[in-house]
Structure formats: C-alpha cells, structure tokens
C-alpha cells in the first residue's frame, strides 16, 4: 500500500508540473490558491508538532 501511495503522489506531482508548464497563467489560479494554503499550513503544523515533542516527550513519558 505504501508503494502505491508514493506512486500516486509522484504521478499527481508530475501532472501538476506539466499543467503548470502548458497552461496559461490565468488557468493556474486554483493551483496557486492550493499552494498558498499549504505554504501557510505547513509551518503552523511544524511548530505545533515541535511544541508537542518538546513538552511531552522525555524518557519517562510517552507522547500520545
């Protein structure tokens, strides 16, 4: 299942890259909205994961 998931992600990435090259700039507006969403979301999730790791993970406790 893991290899299938990785294959699907790679295919989707290649399709989006080809569309970004072939389509005019106005047709790519929905893709830019999605990338802006991830540009904002990923650092917030990373900081949340770091705070969770620093606050609850130690040798005596386990993160749940």
PDB file of N, CA and C in Angstrom:
ATOM      1  N   UNK A   1       0.825  -1.195   0.000  1.00  0.00           N
ATOM      2  CA  UNK A   1       0.000   0.000   0.000  1.00  0.00           C
ATOM      3  C   UNK A   1       0.867   1.257   0.000  1.00  0.00           C
ATOM      4  N   UNK A   2       1.989   1.204   0.698  1.00  0.00           N
ATOM      5  CA  UNK A   2       2.864   2.367   0.788  1.00  0.00           C
ATOM      6  C   UNK A   2       3.463   2.722  -0.570  1.00  0.00           C
ATOM      7  N   UNK A   3       3.861   1.716  -1.333  1.00  0.00           N
ATOM      8  CA  UNK A   3       4.438   1.976  -2.655  1.00  0.00           C
ATOM      9  C   UNK A   3       3.383   2.521  -3.611  1.00  0.00           C
ATOM     10  N   UNK A   4       2.168   2.035  -3.487  1.00  0.00           N
ATOM     11  CA  UNK A   4       1.081   2.543  -4.319  1.00  0.00           C
ATOM     12  C   UNK A   4       0.812   4.010  -4.007  1.00  0.00           C
ATOM     13  N   UNK A   5       0.775   4.359  -2.730  1.00  0.00           N
ATOM     14  CA  UNK A   5       0.550   5.744  -2.322  1.00  0.00           C
ATOM     15  C   UNK A   5       1.662   6.646  -2.854  1.00  0.00           C
ATOM     16  N   UNK A   6       2.897   6.215  -2.746  1.00  0.00           N
ATOM     17  CA  UNK A   6       4.019   7.011  -3.246  1.00  0.00           C
ATOM     18  C   UNK A   6       3.930   7.174  -4.762  1.00  0.00           C
ATOM     19  N   UNK A   7       3.550   6.131  -5.461  1.00  0.00           N
ATOM     20  CA  UNK A   7       3.399   6.198  -6.912  1.00  0.00           C
ATOM     21  C   UNK A   7       2.311   7.191  -7.306  1.00  0.00           C
ATOM     22  N   UNK A   8       1.194   7.173  -6.608  1.00  0.00           N
ATOM     23  CA  UNK A   8       0.098   8.104  -6.897  1.00  0.00           C
ATOM     24  C   UNK A   8       0.529   9.540  -6.655  1.00  0.00           C
ATOM     25  N   UNK A   9       1.240   9.792  -5.572  1.00  0.00           N
ATOM     26  CA  UNK A   9       1.705  11.146  -5.269  1.00  0.00           C
ATOM     27  C   UNK A   9       2.667  11.638  -6.344  1.00  0.00           C
ATOM     28  N   UNK A  10       3.565  10.783  -6.792  1.00  0.00           N
ATOM     29  CA  UNK A  10       4.518  11.169  -7.837  1.00  0.00           C
ATOM     30  C   UNK A  10       3.789  11.472  -9.144  1.00  0.00           C
ATOM     31  N   UNK A  11       2.825  10.665  -9.507  1.00  0.00           N
ATOM     32  CA  UNK A  11       2.061  10.894 -10.738  1.00  0.00           C
ATOM     33  C   UNK A  11       1.299  12.218 -10.662  1.00  0.00           C
ATOM     34  N   UNK A  12       0.659  12.494  -9.532  1.00  0.00           N
ATOM     35  CA  UNK A  12      -0.072  13.761  -9.370  1.00  0.00           C
ATOM     36  C   UNK A  12       0.890  14.940  -9.463  1.00  0.00           C
ATOM     37  N   UNK A  13       2.053  14.832  -8.858  1.00  0.00           N
ATOM     38  CA  UNK A  13       3.040  15.912  -8.920  1.00  0.00           C
ATOM     39  C   UNK A  13       3.511  16.150 -10.353  1.00  0.00           C
ATOM     40  N   UNK A  14       3.726  15.087 -11.100  1.00  0.00           N
ATOM     41  CA  UNK A  14       4.157  15.233 -12.494  1.00  0.00           C
ATOM     42  C   UNK A  14       3.054  15.870 -13.334  1.00  0.00           C
ATOM     43  N   UNK A  15       1.819  15.460 -13.125  1.00  0.00           N
ATOM     44  CA  UNK A  15       0.698  16.039 -13.874  1.00  0.00           C
ATOM     45  C   UNK A  15       0.567  17.527 -13.581  1.00  0.00           C
ATOM     46  N   UNK A  16       0.667  17.917 -12.317  1.00  0.00           N
ATOM     47  CA  UNK A  16       0.575  19.336 -11.956  1.00  0.00           C
ATOM     48  C   UNK A  16       1.737  20.114 -12.559  1.00  0.00           C
ATOM     49  N   UNK A  17       2.929  19.542 -12.561  1.00  0.00           N
ATOM     50  CA  UNK A  17       4.082  20.224 -13.152  1.00  0.00           C
ATOM     51  C   UNK A  17       3.901  20.421 -14.656  1.00  0.00           C
ATOM     52  N   UNK A  18       3.397  19.415 -15.343  1.00  0.00           N
ATOM     53  CA  UNK A  18       3.164  19.539 -16.785  1.00  0.00           C
ATOM     54  C   UNK A  18       2.082  20.578 -17.058  1.00  0.00           C
ATOM     55  N   UNK A  19       1.017  20.565 -16.267  1.00  0.00           N
ATOM     56  CA  UNK A  19      -0.038  21.566 -16.444  1.00  0.00           C
ATOM     57  C   UNK A  19       0.482  22.975 -16.185  1.00  0.00           C
ATOM     58  N   UNK A  20       1.361  23.121 -15.221  1.00  0.00           N
ATOM     59  CA  UNK A  20       1.922  24.443 -14.923  1.00  0.00           C
ATOM     60  C   UNK A  20       2.754  24.966 -16.084  1.00  0.00           C
ATOM     61  N   UNK A  21       3.365  24.065 -16.831  1.00  0.00           N
ATOM     62  CA  UNK A  21       4.162  24.484 -17.989  1.00  0.00           C
ATOM     63  C   UNK A  21       3.261  24.803 -19.190  1.00  0.00           C
ATOM     64  N   UNK A  22       2.233  23.999 -19.399  1.00  0.00           N
ATOM     65  CA  UNK A  22       1.435  24.108 -20.615  1.00  0.00           C
ATOM     66  C   UNK A  22       0.299  25.125 -20.544  1.00  0.00           C
ATOM     67  N   UNK A  23      -0.318  25.292 -19.391  1.00  0.00           N
ATOM     68  CA  UNK A  23      -1.492  26.162 -19.288  1.00  0.00           C
ATOM     69  C   UNK A  23      -1.097  27.622 -19.118  1.00  0.00           C
ATOM     70  N   UNK A  24      -1.966  28.534 -19.553  1.00  0.00           N
ATOM     71  CA  UNK A  24      -1.690  29.955 -19.320  1.00  0.00           C
ATOM     72  C   UNK A  24      -1.813  30.309 -17.839  1.00  0.00           C
ATOM     73  N   UNK A  25      -1.268  31.447 -17.467  1.00  0.00           N
ATOM     74  CA  UNK A  25      -1.202  31.858 -16.064  1.00  0.00           C
ATOM     75  C   UNK A  25      -2.587  31.972 -15.424  1.00  0.00           C
ATOM     76  N   UNK A  26      -3.585  32.423 -16.167  1.00  0.00           N
ATOM     77  CA  UNK A  26      -4.923  32.592 -15.596  1.00  0.00           C
ATOM     78  C   UNK A  26      -5.579  31.259 -15.272  1.00  0.00           C
ATOM     79  N   UNK A  27      -5.248  30.220 -15.999  1.00  0.00           N
ATOM     80  CA  UNK A  27      -5.827  28.903 -15.735  1.00  0.00           C
ATOM     81  C   UNK A  27      -5.218  28.249 -14.503  1.00  0.00           C
ATOM     82  N   UNK A  28      -4.101  28.763 -14.035  1.00  0.00           N
ATOM     83  CA  UNK A  28      -3.411  28.165 -12.888  1.00  0.00           C
ATOM     84  C   UNK A  28      -3.820  28.785 -11.554  1.00  0.00           C
ATOM     85  N   UNK A  29      -4.770  29.699 -11.568  1.00  0.00           N
ATOM     86  CA  UNK A  29      -5.162  30.379 -10.334  1.00  0.00           C
ATOM     87  C   UNK A  29      -5.591  29.400  -9.225  1.00  0.00           C
ATOM     88  N   UNK A  30      -6.396  28.350  -9.500  1.00  0.00           N
ATOM     89  CA  UNK A  30      -6.747  27.401  -8.424  1.00  0.00           C
ATOM     90  C   UNK A  30      -5.528  26.686  -7.830  1.00  0.00           C
ATOM     91  N   UNK A  31      -4.538  26.399  -8.651  1.00  0.00           N
ATOM     92  CA  UNK A  31      -3.328  25.739  -8.138  1.00  0.00           C
ATOM     93  C   UNK A  31      -2.576  26.674  -7.204  1.00  0.00           C
ATOM     94  N   UNK A  32      -2.533  27.966  -7.537  1.00  0.00           N
ATOM     95  CA  UNK A  32      -1.852  28.930  -6.673  1.00  0.00           C
ATOM     96  C   UNK A  32      -2.554  29.067  -5.330  1.00  0.00           C
ATOM     97  N   UNK A  33      -3.891  28.960  -5.328  1.00  0.00           N
ATOM     98  CA  UNK A  33      -4.637  29.015  -4.066  1.00  0.00           C
ATOM     99  C   UNK A  33      -4.269  27.818  -3.198  1.00  0.00           C
ATOM    100  N   UNK A  34      -4.167  26.649  -3.801  1.00  0.00           N
ATOM    101  CA  UNK A  34      -3.811  25.444  -3.049  1.00  0.00           C
ATOM    102  C   UNK A  34      -2.392  25.551  -2.502  1.00  0.00           C
ATOM    103  N   UNK A  35      -1.457  26.029  -3.300  1.00  0.00           N
ATOM    104  CA  UNK A  35      -0.078  26.129  -2.821  1.00  0.00           C
ATOM    105  C   UNK A  35       0.058  27.181  -1.733  1.00  0.00           C
ATOM    106  N   UNK A  36      -0.708  28.267  -1.829  1.00  0.00           N
ATOM    107  CA  UNK A  36      -0.684  29.277  -0.769  1.00  0.00           C
ATOM    108  C   UNK A  36      -1.218  28.686   0.527  1.00  0.00           C
ATOM    109  N   UNK A  37      -2.272  27.877   0.432  1.00  0.00           N
ATOM    110  CA  UNK A  37      -2.830  27.211   1.610  1.00  0.00           C
ATOM    111  C   UNK A  37      -1.763  26.353   2.291  1.00  0.00           C
ATOM    112  N   UNK A  38      -1.033  25.558   1.519  1.00  0.00           N
ATOM    113  CA  UNK A  38      -0.004  24.707   2.100  1.00  0.00           C
ATOM    114  C   UNK A  38       1.195  25.513   2.595  1.00  0.00           C
ATOM    115  N   UNK A  39       1.515  26.621   1.919  1.00  0.00           N
ATOM    116  CA  UNK A  39       2.605  27.485   2.387  1.00  0.00           C
ATOM    117  C   UNK A  39       2.319  28.029   3.774  1.00  0.00           C
ATOM    118  N   UNK A  40       1.065  28.281   4.077  1.00  0.00           N
ATOM    119  CA  UNK A  40       0.687  28.796   5.395  1.00  0.00           C
ATOM    120  C   UNK A  40       0.525  27.658   6.395  1.00  0.00           C
ATOM    121  N   UNK A  41      -0.065  26.546   5.982  1.00  0.00           N
ATOM    122  CA  UNK A  41      -0.410  25.470   6.899  1.00  0.00           C
ATOM    123  C   UNK A  41       0.804  24.685   7.392  1.00  0.00           C
ATOM    124  N   UNK A  42       1.760  24.399   6.547  1.00  0.00           N
ATOM    125  CA  UNK A  42       2.880  23.531   6.914  1.00  0.00           C
ATOM    126  C   UNK A  42       3.724  24.096   8.056  1.00  0.00           C
ATOM    127  N   UNK A  43       4.118  25.374   8.048  1.00  0.00           N
ATOM    128  CA  UNK A  43       4.886  25.877   9.198  1.00  0.00           C
ATOM    129  C   UNK A  43       4.099  25.858  10.505  1.00  0.00           C
ATOM    130  N   UNK A  44       2.791  26.104  10.434  1.00  0.00           N
ATOM    131  CA  UNK A  44       1.973  26.069  11.649  1.00  0.00           C
ATOM    132  C   UNK A  44       1.927  24.657  12.212  1.00  0.00           C
ATOM    133  N   UNK A  45       1.735  23.665  11.361  1.00  0.00           N
ATOM    134  CA  UNK A  45       1.733  22.277  11.823  1.00  0.00           C
ATOM    135  C   UNK A  45       3.099  21.861  12.353  1.00  0.00           C
ATOM    136  N   UNK A  46       4.163  22.343  11.725  1.00  0.00           N
ATOM    137  CA  UNK A  46       5.513  22.006  12.186  1.00  0.00           C
ATOM    138  C   UNK A  46       5.779  22.574  13.572  1.00  0.00           C
ATOM    139  N   UNK A  47       5.362  23.807  13.806  1.00  0.00           N
ATOM    140  CA  UNK A  47       5.557  24.405  15.133  1.00  0.00           C
ATOM    141  C   UNK A  47       4.723  23.660  16.168  1.00  0.00           C
ATOM    142  N   UNK A  48       3.501  23.294  15.820  1.00  0.00           N
ATOM    143  CA  UNK A  48       2.669  22.522  16.743  1.00  0.00           C
ATOM    144  C   UNK A  48       3.287  21.177  17.086  1.00  0.00           C
ATOM    145  N   UNK A  49       3.843  20.495  16.097  1.00  0.00           N
ATOM    146  CA  UNK A  49       4.494  19.208  16.347  1.00  0.00           C
ATOM    147  C   UNK A  49       5.743  19.381  17.203  1.00  0.00           C
ATOM    148  N   UNK A  50       6.495  20.453  16.963  1.00  0.00           N
ATOM    149  CA  UNK A  50       7.690  20.715  17.767  1.00  0.00           C
ATOM    150  C   UNK A  50       7.322  21.006  19.212  1.00  0.00           C
ATOM    151  N   UNK A  51       6.284  21.807  19.427  1.00  0.00           N
ATOM    152  CA  UNK A  51       5.848  22.111  20.794  1.00  0.00           C
ATOM    153  C   UNK A  51       5.378  20.842  21.491  1.00  0.00           C
ATOM    154  N   UNK A  52       4.620  20.005  20.797  1.00  0.00           N
ATOM    155  CA  UNK A  52       4.165  18.746  21.389  1.00  0.00           C
ATOM    156  C   UNK A  52       5.355  17.861  21.739  1.00  0.00           C
ATOM    157  N   UNK A  53       6.319  17.774  20.852  1.00  0.00           N
ATOM    158  CA  UNK A  53       7.500  16.949  21.098  1.00  0.00           C
ATOM    159  C   UNK A  53       8.290  17.462  22.297  1.00  0.00           C
ATOM    160  N   UNK A  54       8.507  18.772  22.363  1.00  0.00           N
ATOM    161  CA  UNK A  54       9.302  19.338  23.450  1.00  0.00           C
ATOM    162  C   UNK A  54       8.585  19.287  24.787  1.00  0.00           C
ATOM    163  N   UNK A  55       7.258  19.357  24.778  1.00  0.00           N
ATOM    164  CA  UNK A  55       6.536  19.417  26.043  1.00  0.00           C
ATOM    165  C   UNK A  55       6.186  18.049  26.606  1.00  0.00           C
ATOM    166  N   UNK A  56       6.060  17.030  25.785  1.00  0.00           N
ATOM    167  CA  UNK A  56       5.597  15.755  26.337  1.00  0.00           C
ATOM    168  C   UNK A  56       6.570  14.599  26.145  1.00  0.00           C
ATOM    169  N   UNK A  57       7.515  14.711  25.277  1.00  0.00           N
ATOM    170  CA  UNK A  57       8.408  13.579  25.030  1.00  0.00           C
ATOM    171  C   UNK A  57       9.658  13.679  25.898  1.00  0.00           C
ATOM    172  N   UNK A  58       9.785  12.727  26.745  1.00  0.00           N
ATOM    173  CA  UNK A  58      11.008  12.573  27.523  1.00  0.00           C
ATOM    174  C   UNK A  58      11.183  11.083  27.776  1.00  0.00           C
ATOM    175  N   UNK A  59      12.218  10.723  28.470  1.00  0.00           N
ATOM    176  CA  UNK A  59      12.476   9.299  28.687  1.00  0.00           C
ATOM    177  C   UNK A  59      11.454   8.671  29.631  1.00  0.00           C
ATOM    178  N   UNK A  60      10.848   9.475  30.503  1.00  0.00           N
ATOM    179  CA  UNK A  60       9.892   8.922  31.450  1.00  0.00           C
ATOM    180  C   UNK A  60       8.459   8.946  30.931  1.00  0.00           C
ATOM    181  N   UNK A  61       8.169   9.750  29.916  1.00  0.00           N
ATOM    182  CA  UNK A  61       6.811   9.858  29.381  1.00  0.00           C
ATOM    183  C   UNK A  61       6.805   9.458  27.913  1.00  0.00           C
ATOM    184  N   UNK A  62       5.641   9.068  27.451  1.00  0.00           N
ATOM    185  CA  UNK A  62       5.498   8.787  26.020  1.00  0.00           C
ATOM    186  C   UNK A  62       4.469   9.740  25.433  1.00  0.00           C
ATOM    187  N   UNK A  63       4.681  10.138  24.202  1.00  0.00           N
ATOM    188  CA  UNK A  63       3.733  11.031  23.526  1.00  0.00           C
ATOM    189  C   UNK A  63       2.565  10.218  22.999  1.00  0.00           C
ATOM    190  N   UNK A  64       1.387  10.680  23.286  1.00  0.00           N
ATOM    191  CA  UNK A  64       0.182  10.016  22.778  1.00  0.00           C
ATOM    192  C   UNK A  64      -0.703  11.014  22.118  1.00  0.00           C
TER     193      UNK A  64
END
